[in-house]
Protein backbone atom coordinates (compact mmCIF):
# COMPACT_ATOMS: atom_id res chain seq x y z
CA UNK A 1 0.00 0.00 0.00
CA UNK A 2 1.19 3.51 -0.67
CA UNK A 3 1.75 6.13 1.98
CA UNK A 4 0.69 9.78 1.83
CA UNK A 5 3.41 12.10 0.53
CA UNK A 6 3.65 15.86 0.18
CA UNK A 7 1.62 16.89 -2.90
CA UNK A 8 -0.83 13.97 -2.69
CA UNK A 9 -4.56 14.60 -2.75
CA UNK A 10 -6.35 12.67 -0.02
CA UNK A 11 -9.77 12.10 1.50
CA UNK A 12 -10.04 11.88 5.28
CA UNK A 13 -12.66 11.70 7.97
CA UNK A 14 -11.87 13.60 11.16
CA UNK A 15 -13.23 14.67 14.50
CA UNK A 16 -11.70 17.76 16.13
CA UNK A 17 -11.78 18.12 19.91
CA UNK A 18 -10.57 20.53 22.57
CA UNK A 19 -8.78 19.77 25.88
CA UNK A 20 -12.12 19.17 27.59
CA UNK A 21 -13.06 16.53 24.96
CA UNK A 22 -15.77 18.76 23.45
CA UNK A 23 -16.12 18.32 19.68
CA UNK A 24 -15.76 21.51 17.63
CA UNK A 25 -16.05 19.89 14.19
CA UNK A 26 -16.43 16.49 12.56
CA UNK A 27 -16.83 15.07 9.07
CA UNK A 28 -18.40 11.83 10.29
CA UNK A 29 -21.94 12.83 9.28
CA UNK A 30 -20.95 14.12 5.85
CA UNK A 31 -18.54 13.43 3.03
CA UNK A 32 -14.86 13.11 3.96
CA UNK A 33 -12.79 16.22 3.30
CA UNK A 34 -10.57 16.24 0.24
CA UNK A 35 -7.37 18.29 0.16
CA UNK A 36 -3.90 18.35 -1.34
CA UNK A 37 -0.98 18.30 1.08
CA UNK A 38 1.34 21.26 0.79
CA UNK A 39 -1.20 23.73 -0.57
CA UNK A 40 -1.98 25.24 2.83
CA UNK A 41 -5.68 24.34 2.68
CA UNK A 42 -5.64 23.07 6.27
CA UNK A 43 -3.71 23.94 9.41
CA UNK A 44 -0.08 22.73 9.27
CA UNK A 45 -0.42 20.27 12.16
CA UNK A 46 -3.29 18.47 10.45
CA UNK A 47 -1.36 18.12 7.19
CA UNK A 48 1.72 16.90 9.12
CA UNK A 49 -0.42 14.25 10.84
CA UNK A 50 -1.70 12.84 7.53
CA UNK A 51 1.80 12.49 6.02
CA UNK A 52 2.89 8.84 5.98
CA UNK A 53 -0.60 7.42 6.62
CA UNK A 54 -1.95 4.59 4.45
CA UNK A 55 -5.58 4.17 3.36
CA UNK A 56 -7.55 2.71 6.27
CA UNK A 57 -5.13 4.04 8.90
CA UNK A 58 -6.59 5.84 11.92
CA UNK A 59 -4.78 7.99 14.46
CA UNK A 60 -5.33 10.56 17.16
CA UNK A 61 -3.02 13.57 17.22
CA UNK A 62 -2.48 16.56 19.46
CA UNK A 63 -1.76 19.73 17.51
CA UNK A 64 0.02 22.51 19.41
CA UNK A 65 -1.11 26.12 19.13
CA UNK A 66 1.71 27.07 16.75
CA UNK A 67 0.73 24.31 14.28
CA UNK A 68 -3.00 25.11 14.60
CA UNK A 69 -4.48 28.64 14.51
CA UNK A 70 -1.64 30.33 16.41
CA UNK A 71 -1.78 32.27 19.67
CA UNK A 72 -4.53 34.74 20.49
CA UNK A 73 -3.37 38.21 19.50
CA UNK A 74 -4.36 41.41 21.29
CA UNK A 75 -3.83 43.37 18.06
CA UNK A 76 -6.83 41.46 16.65
CA UNK A 77 -9.11 43.25 19.14
CA UNK A 78 -10.68 46.44 17.82
CA UNK A 79 -12.79 48.91 19.78
CA UNK A 80 -15.36 50.90 17.82
CA UNK A 81 -17.91 53.49 18.81
CA UNK A 82 -21.50 52.19 18.99
CA UNK A 83 -22.52 55.01 16.61
CA UNK A 84 -20.54 53.25 13.84
CA UNK A 85 -22.99 50.33 13.82
CA UNK A 86 -25.98 50.38 11.47
CA UNK A 87 -29.23 51.27 13.23
CA UNK A 88 -30.63 47.76 12.70
CA UNK A 89 -27.66 46.12 14.51
CA UNK A 90 -27.84 45.87 18.30
CA UNK A 91 -24.58 44.15 19.28
CA UNK A 92 -24.50 41.54 22.05
CA UNK A 93 -21.49 39.83 23.66
CA UNK A 94 -20.77 36.57 21.83
CA UNK A 95 -22.53 37.69 18.64
CA UNK A 96 -20.77 36.96 15.35
CA UNK A 97 -20.68 39.77 12.82
CA UNK A 98 -19.24 40.22 9.37
CA UNK A 99 -17.19 43.37 8.85
CA UNK A 100 -16.10 44.83 5.51
CA UNK A 101 -12.61 46.21 5.07
CA UNK A 102 -11.81 49.30 3.01
CA UNK A 103 -10.89 47.03 0.06
CA UNK A 104 -14.34 45.39 0.20
CA UNK A 105 -13.15 42.08 1.65
CA UNK A 106 -15.28 40.77 4.50
CA UNK A 107 -14.12 38.96 7.64
CA UNK A 108 -15.81 37.57 10.73
CA UNK A 109 -15.52 39.07 14.20
CA UNK A 110 -17.11 38.28 17.55
CA UNK A 111 -18.42 40.92 19.96
CA UNK A 112 -16.25 40.41 23.06
CA UNK A 113 -17.18 43.41 25.22
CA UNK A 114 -19.70 46.26 25.30
CA UNK A 115 -19.50 49.46 27.30
CA UNK A 116 -21.76 52.51 27.40
CA UNK A 117 -20.20 54.02 24.26
CA UNK A 118 -18.01 51.32 22.68
CA UNK A 119 -18.02 47.76 21.37
CA UNK A 120 -14.92 45.55 21.34
CA UNK A 121 -14.67 43.21 18.37
CA UNK A 122 -12.40 40.16 18.34
CA UNK A 123 -11.04 39.12 14.93
CA UNK A 124 -9.01 36.18 16.29
CA UNK A 125 -9.98 32.78 14.90
CA UNK A 126 -12.30 31.12 17.46
CA UNK A 127 -9.73 28.32 17.93
CA UNK A 128 -6.69 30.63 18.25
CA UNK A 129 -4.67 29.95 21.39
CA UNK A 130 -5.99 26.39 21.76
CA UNK A 131 -4.31 23.00 21.44
CA UNK A 132 -6.42 20.81 19.20
CA UNK A 133 -6.94 17.06 19.13
CA UNK A 134 -7.97 15.23 15.97
CA UNK A 135 -9.11 11.68 15.35
CA UNK A 136 -8.12 11.14 11.70
CA UNK A 137 -9.01 8.30 9.36
CA UNK A 138 -7.41 8.20 5.90
CA UNK A 139 -10.09 7.07 3.46
CA UNK A 140 -8.08 7.20 0.24
CA UNK A 141 -5.24 8.74 -1.70
CA UNK A 142 -6.94 10.15 -4.80
C-alpha atoms as a PDB file:
ATOM      1  CA  UNK A   1       0.000   0.000   0.000  1.00  0.00           C
ATOM      2  CA  UNK A   2       1.192   3.512  -0.671  1.00  0.00           C
ATOM      3  CA  UNK A   3       1.752   6.131   1.982  1.00  0.00           C
ATOM      4  CA  UNK A   4       0.689   9.775   1.826  1.00  0.00           C
ATOM      5  CA  UNK A   5       3.412  12.095   0.528  1.00  0.00           C
ATOM      6  CA  UNK A   6       3.651  15.858   0.176  1.00  0.00           C
ATOM      7  CA  UNK A   7       1.616  16.895  -2.905  1.00  0.00           C
ATOM      8  CA  UNK A   8      -0.830  13.968  -2.693  1.00  0.00           C
ATOM      9  CA  UNK A   9      -4.558  14.602  -2.749  1.00  0.00           C
ATOM     10  CA  UNK A  10      -6.355  12.667  -0.020  1.00  0.00           C
ATOM     11  CA  UNK A  11      -9.773  12.104   1.498  1.00  0.00           C
ATOM     12  CA  UNK A  12     -10.036  11.882   5.284  1.00  0.00           C
ATOM     13  CA  UNK A  13     -12.656  11.703   7.975  1.00  0.00           C
ATOM     14  CA  UNK A  14     -11.870  13.597  11.156  1.00  0.00           C
ATOM     15  CA  UNK A  15     -13.230  14.672  14.495  1.00  0.00           C
ATOM     16  CA  UNK A  16     -11.703  17.759  16.125  1.00  0.00           C
ATOM     17  CA  UNK A  17     -11.776  18.115  19.912  1.00  0.00           C
ATOM     18  CA  UNK A  18     -10.572  20.534  22.568  1.00  0.00           C
ATOM     19  CA  UNK A  19      -8.782  19.771  25.877  1.00  0.00           C
ATOM     20  CA  UNK A  20     -12.124  19.173  27.590  1.00  0.00           C
ATOM     21  CA  UNK A  21     -13.061  16.526  24.956  1.00  0.00           C
ATOM     22  CA  UNK A  22     -15.766  18.759  23.452  1.00  0.00           C
ATOM     23  CA  UNK A  23     -16.118  18.324  19.680  1.00  0.00           C
ATOM     24  CA  UNK A  24     -15.762  21.514  17.635  1.00  0.00           C
ATOM     25  CA  UNK A  25     -16.046  19.888  14.188  1.00  0.00           C
ATOM     26  CA  UNK A  26     -16.427  16.495  12.556  1.00  0.00           C
ATOM     27  CA  UNK A  27     -16.827  15.075   9.068  1.00  0.00           C
ATOM     28  CA  UNK A  28     -18.397  11.826  10.293  1.00  0.00           C
ATOM     29  CA  UNK A  29     -21.945  12.829   9.283  1.00  0.00           C
ATOM     30  CA  UNK A  30     -20.948  14.124   5.855  1.00  0.00           C
ATOM     31  CA  UNK A  31     -18.540  13.431   3.025  1.00  0.00           C
ATOM     32  CA  UNK A  32     -14.857  13.109   3.964  1.00  0.00           C
ATOM     33  CA  UNK A  33     -12.789  16.217   3.298  1.00  0.00           C
ATOM     34  CA  UNK A  34     -10.571  16.240   0.235  1.00  0.00           C
ATOM     35  CA  UNK A  35      -7.370  18.287   0.158  1.00  0.00           C
ATOM     36  CA  UNK A  36      -3.896  18.351  -1.336  1.00  0.00           C
ATOM     37  CA  UNK A  37      -0.976  18.296   1.081  1.00  0.00           C
ATOM     38  CA  UNK A  38       1.342  21.259   0.786  1.00  0.00           C
ATOM     39  CA  UNK A  39      -1.202  23.729  -0.571  1.00  0.00           C
ATOM     40  CA  UNK A  40      -1.980  25.241   2.834  1.00  0.00           C
ATOM     41  CA  UNK A  41      -5.678  24.338   2.676  1.00  0.00           C
ATOM     42  CA  UNK A  42      -5.636  23.070   6.271  1.00  0.00           C
ATOM     43  CA  UNK A  43      -3.708  23.937   9.412  1.00  0.00           C
ATOM     44  CA  UNK A  44      -0.080  22.732   9.272  1.00  0.00           C
ATOM     45  CA  UNK A  45      -0.420  20.269  12.157  1.00  0.00           C
ATOM     46  CA  UNK A  46      -3.287  18.466  10.447  1.00  0.00           C
ATOM     47  CA  UNK A  47      -1.359  18.115   7.188  1.00  0.00           C
ATOM     48  CA  UNK A  48       1.718  16.897   9.119  1.00  0.00           C
ATOM     49  CA  UNK A  49      -0.419  14.247  10.837  1.00  0.00           C
ATOM     50  CA  UNK A  50      -1.696  12.838   7.529  1.00  0.00           C
ATOM     51  CA  UNK A  51       1.804  12.487   6.020  1.00  0.00           C
ATOM     52  CA  UNK A  52       2.885   8.842   5.976  1.00  0.00           C
ATOM     53  CA  UNK A  53      -0.595   7.418   6.616  1.00  0.00           C
ATOM     54  CA  UNK A  54      -1.948   4.590   4.452  1.00  0.00           C
ATOM     55  CA  UNK A  55      -5.582   4.168   3.364  1.00  0.00           C
ATOM     56  CA  UNK A  56      -7.554   2.706   6.272  1.00  0.00           C
ATOM     57  CA  UNK A  57      -5.133   4.038   8.903  1.00  0.00           C
ATOM     58  CA  UNK A  58      -6.591   5.842  11.917  1.00  0.00           C
ATOM     59  CA  UNK A  59      -4.775   7.988  14.456  1.00  0.00           C
ATOM     60  CA  UNK A  60      -5.327  10.559  17.156  1.00  0.00           C
ATOM     61  CA  UNK A  61      -3.020  13.569  17.216  1.00  0.00           C
ATOM     62  CA  UNK A  62      -2.478  16.561  19.465  1.00  0.00           C
ATOM     63  CA  UNK A  63      -1.763  19.732  17.508  1.00  0.00           C
ATOM     64  CA  UNK A  64       0.022  22.505  19.407  1.00  0.00           C
ATOM     65  CA  UNK A  65      -1.115  26.120  19.130  1.00  0.00           C
ATOM     66  CA  UNK A  66       1.712  27.071  16.747  1.00  0.00           C
ATOM     67  CA  UNK A  67       0.727  24.314  14.279  1.00  0.00           C
ATOM     68  CA  UNK A  68      -3.004  25.107  14.599  1.00  0.00           C
ATOM     69  CA  UNK A  69      -4.475  28.637  14.512  1.00  0.00           C
ATOM     70  CA  UNK A  70      -1.644  30.327  16.407  1.00  0.00           C
ATOM     71  CA  UNK A  71      -1.780  32.266  19.668  1.00  0.00           C
ATOM     72  CA  UNK A  72      -4.530  34.745  20.486  1.00  0.00           C
ATOM     73  CA  UNK A  73      -3.372  38.208  19.502  1.00  0.00           C
ATOM     74  CA  UNK A  74      -4.361  41.411  21.290  1.00  0.00           C
ATOM     75  CA  UNK A  75      -3.834  43.366  18.060  1.00  0.00           C
ATOM     76  CA  UNK A  76      -6.826  41.462  16.654  1.00  0.00           C
ATOM     77  CA  UNK A  77      -9.114  43.251  19.142  1.00  0.00           C
ATOM     78  CA  UNK A  78     -10.681  46.445  17.822  1.00  0.00           C
ATOM     79  CA  UNK A  79     -12.792  48.910  19.777  1.00  0.00           C
ATOM     80  CA  UNK A  80     -15.363  50.899  17.816  1.00  0.00           C
ATOM     81  CA  UNK A  81     -17.912  53.489  18.808  1.00  0.00           C
ATOM     82  CA  UNK A  82     -21.504  52.195  18.986  1.00  0.00           C
ATOM     83  CA  UNK A  83     -22.515  55.006  16.614  1.00  0.00           C
ATOM     84  CA  UNK A  84     -20.542  53.247  13.837  1.00  0.00           C
ATOM     85  CA  UNK A  85     -22.988  50.330  13.824  1.00  0.00           C
ATOM     86  CA  UNK A  86     -25.985  50.382  11.469  1.00  0.00           C
ATOM     87  CA  UNK A  87     -29.233  51.272  13.232  1.00  0.00           C
ATOM     88  CA  UNK A  88     -30.633  47.764  12.701  1.00  0.00           C
ATOM     89  CA  UNK A  89     -27.664  46.121  14.511  1.00  0.00           C
ATOM     90  CA  UNK A  90     -27.839  45.869  18.296  1.00  0.00           C
ATOM     91  CA  UNK A  91     -24.580  44.153  19.282  1.00  0.00           C
ATOM     92  CA  UNK A  92     -24.503  41.538  22.052  1.00  0.00           C
ATOM     93  CA  UNK A  93     -21.493  39.834  23.658  1.00  0.00           C
ATOM     94  CA  UNK A  94     -20.774  36.566  21.827  1.00  0.00           C
ATOM     95  CA  UNK A  95     -22.530  37.694  18.645  1.00  0.00           C
ATOM     96  CA  UNK A  96     -20.770  36.963  15.351  1.00  0.00           C
ATOM     97  CA  UNK A  97     -20.680  39.770  12.817  1.00  0.00           C
ATOM     98  CA  UNK A  98     -19.238  40.222   9.367  1.00  0.00           C
ATOM     99  CA  UNK A  99     -17.193  43.367   8.846  1.00  0.00           C
ATOM    100  CA  UNK A 100     -16.098  44.829   5.509  1.00  0.00           C
ATOM    101  CA  UNK A 101     -12.608  46.207   5.072  1.00  0.00           C
ATOM    102  CA  UNK A 102     -11.807  49.296   3.006  1.00  0.00           C
ATOM    103  CA  UNK A 103     -10.885  47.028   0.064  1.00  0.00           C
ATOM    104  CA  UNK A 104     -14.335  45.392   0.202  1.00  0.00           C
ATOM    105  CA  UNK A 105     -13.154  42.076   1.651  1.00  0.00           C
ATOM    106  CA  UNK A 106     -15.283  40.771   4.497  1.00  0.00           C
ATOM    107  CA  UNK A 107     -14.123  38.961   7.637  1.00  0.00           C
ATOM    108  CA  UNK A 108     -15.807  37.575  10.726  1.00  0.00           C
ATOM    109  CA  UNK A 109     -15.524  39.073  14.201  1.00  0.00           C
ATOM    110  CA  UNK A 110     -17.113  38.285  17.553  1.00  0.00           C
ATOM    111  CA  UNK A 111     -18.416  40.923  19.961  1.00  0.00           C
ATOM    112  CA  UNK A 112     -16.250  40.405  23.058  1.00  0.00           C
ATOM    113  CA  UNK A 113     -17.181  43.410  25.222  1.00  0.00           C
ATOM    114  CA  UNK A 114     -19.696  46.256  25.296  1.00  0.00           C
ATOM    115  CA  UNK A 115     -19.505  49.455  27.296  1.00  0.00           C
ATOM    116  CA  UNK A 116     -21.756  52.512  27.395  1.00  0.00           C
ATOM    117  CA  UNK A 117     -20.195  54.015  24.257  1.00  0.00           C
ATOM    118  CA  UNK A 118     -18.010  51.321  22.675  1.00  0.00           C
ATOM    119  CA  UNK A 119     -18.024  47.764  21.366  1.00  0.00           C
ATOM    120  CA  UNK A 120     -14.917  45.554  21.339  1.00  0.00           C
ATOM    121  CA  UNK A 121     -14.674  43.210  18.366  1.00  0.00           C
ATOM    122  CA  UNK A 122     -12.399  40.158  18.339  1.00  0.00           C
ATOM    123  CA  UNK A 123     -11.039  39.121  14.927  1.00  0.00           C
ATOM    124  CA  UNK A 124      -9.008  36.176  16.291  1.00  0.00           C
ATOM    125  CA  UNK A 125      -9.981  32.777  14.896  1.00  0.00           C
ATOM    126  CA  UNK A 126     -12.302  31.117  17.460  1.00  0.00           C
ATOM    127  CA  UNK A 127      -9.730  28.323  17.933  1.00  0.00           C
ATOM    128  CA  UNK A 128      -6.692  30.632  18.255  1.00  0.00           C
ATOM    129  CA  UNK A 129      -4.668  29.946  21.389  1.00  0.00           C
ATOM    130  CA  UNK A 130      -5.985  26.388  21.761  1.00  0.00           C
ATOM    131  CA  UNK A 131      -4.312  23.002  21.441  1.00  0.00           C
ATOM    132  CA  UNK A 132      -6.422  20.812  19.199  1.00  0.00           C
ATOM    133  CA  UNK A 133      -6.940  17.061  19.126  1.00  0.00           C
ATOM    134  CA  UNK A 134      -7.966  15.230  15.968  1.00  0.00           C
ATOM    135  CA  UNK A 135      -9.106  11.679  15.350  1.00  0.00           C
ATOM    136  CA  UNK A 136      -8.117  11.141  11.700  1.00  0.00           C
ATOM    137  CA  UNK A 137      -9.011   8.296   9.358  1.00  0.00           C
ATOM    138  CA  UNK A 138      -7.408   8.202   5.903  1.00  0.00           C
ATOM    139  CA  UNK A 139     -10.094   7.071   3.461  1.00  0.00           C
ATOM    140  CA  UNK A 140      -8.084   7.203   0.239  1.00  0.00           C
ATOM    141  CA  UNK A 141      -5.239   8.736  -1.701  1.00  0.00           C
ATOM    142  CA  UNK A 142      -6.937  10.149  -4.804  1.00  0.00           C
END
